[in-house]
Amino acid sequence: MSKNQNSFIKKQKAQLKQRKKKEKFEKKLERKAQPKDGSLENMMVYVDEFGNFSDSPPEPPTPKKQLNQNKSYSKGAAQNK
């Protein structure tokens, strides 16, 4: 008869656990090696009028033309037309 399958499965699980632990440790070293830049400029996110996120600030709105409201129209001028 062949060996019990439990010992084989236990070895596979142990190898998998060891491999995951090693990968996790390598990722940790990579994160520590990268420079940290927690400045406010890098953390800012802008939202446009449609609700989309962007890294750049939105363009300032263009001023609308204002009508000249100082003109007064008289009744007589409106009736002559």
Protein backbone atom coordinates (compact mmCIF):
# COMPACT_ATOMS: atom_id res chain seq x y z
CA MET A 1 0.00 0.00 0.00
CA SER A 2 1.01 3.56 -0.56
CA LYS A 3 1.82 6.16 2.04
CA ASN A 4 -0.91 8.10 3.72
CA GLN A 5 -1.98 11.20 1.75
CA ASN A 6 -2.17 13.31 4.90
CA SER A 7 1.60 13.72 5.13
CA PHE A 8 1.77 14.87 1.50
CA ILE A 9 -1.00 17.44 2.00
CA LYS A 10 0.65 18.68 5.20
CA LYS A 11 3.93 19.24 3.35
CA GLN A 12 2.15 21.13 0.56
CA LYS A 13 0.34 23.38 3.04
CA ALA A 14 3.59 24.08 4.90
CA GLN A 15 5.36 25.00 1.64
CA LEU A 16 2.49 27.25 0.59
CA LYS A 17 2.48 28.97 3.97
CA GLN A 18 6.25 29.50 3.81
CA ARG A 19 6.05 30.88 0.25
CA LYS A 20 3.29 33.35 1.21
CA LYS A 21 5.28 34.49 4.25
CA LYS A 22 8.34 35.08 2.08
CA GLU A 23 6.32 37.06 -0.51
CA LYS A 24 4.77 39.17 2.23
CA PHE A 25 8.21 39.95 3.67
CA GLU A 26 9.52 40.94 0.22
CA LYS A 27 6.56 43.29 -0.32
CA LYS A 28 7.24 44.82 3.08
CA LEU A 29 10.87 45.50 2.11
CA GLU A 30 9.75 47.07 -1.19
CA ARG A 31 7.37 49.44 0.61
CA LYS A 32 10.09 50.48 3.06
CA ALA A 33 12.56 51.11 0.22
CA GLN A 34 10.24 53.53 -1.58
CA PRO A 35 10.47 57.16 -0.50
CA LYS A 36 7.50 58.53 1.36
CA ASP A 37 5.97 61.66 -0.05
CA GLY A 38 2.97 62.56 2.04
CA SER A 39 2.74 66.16 0.94
CA LEU A 40 -0.64 67.79 0.69
CA GLU A 41 -0.23 68.37 -3.06
CA ASN A 42 0.00 64.63 -3.73
CA MET A 43 -3.02 63.83 -1.60
CA MET A 44 -5.33 66.42 -3.20
CA VAL A 45 -8.13 65.25 -5.48
CA TYR A 46 -10.43 67.61 -7.33
CA VAL A 47 -14.02 66.92 -8.33
CA ASP A 48 -15.44 68.45 -11.49
CA GLU A 49 -19.03 69.54 -12.06
CA PHE A 50 -20.00 66.04 -13.23
CA GLY A 51 -18.59 64.29 -10.15
CA ASN A 52 -15.43 62.90 -11.80
CA PHE A 53 -12.16 62.87 -9.86
CA SER A 54 -8.98 64.42 -11.29
CA ASP A 55 -5.49 65.33 -10.10
CA SER A 56 -5.45 68.76 -11.70
CA PRO A 57 -7.52 71.68 -10.45
CA PRO A 58 -10.52 72.62 -12.59
CA GLU A 59 -10.37 75.62 -14.86
CA PRO A 60 -11.90 78.72 -13.33
CA PRO A 61 -15.37 79.42 -14.70
CA THR A 62 -15.55 82.02 -17.43
CA PRO A 63 -17.47 85.12 -16.40
CA LYS A 64 -20.79 85.49 -18.17
CA LYS A 65 -21.55 88.67 -20.05
CA GLN A 66 -23.68 90.98 -18.02
CA LEU A 67 -26.41 92.87 -19.75
CA ASN A 68 -26.41 96.58 -19.47
CA GLN A 69 -29.45 97.15 -17.27
CA ASN A 70 -29.05 100.91 -17.17
CA LYS A 71 -30.99 101.38 -20.40
CA SER A 72 -34.55 102.35 -19.82
CA TYR A 73 -37.16 101.83 -22.42
CA SER A 74 -40.11 104.14 -22.48
CA LYS A 75 -43.62 103.14 -23.40
CA GLY A 76 -43.68 105.45 -26.34
CA ALA A 77 -40.56 103.97 -27.90
CA ALA A 78 -41.91 100.42 -27.53
CA GLN A 79 -45.26 101.40 -29.12
CA ASN A 80 -43.64 103.12 -32.10
CA LYS A 81 -41.97 99.92 -33.23
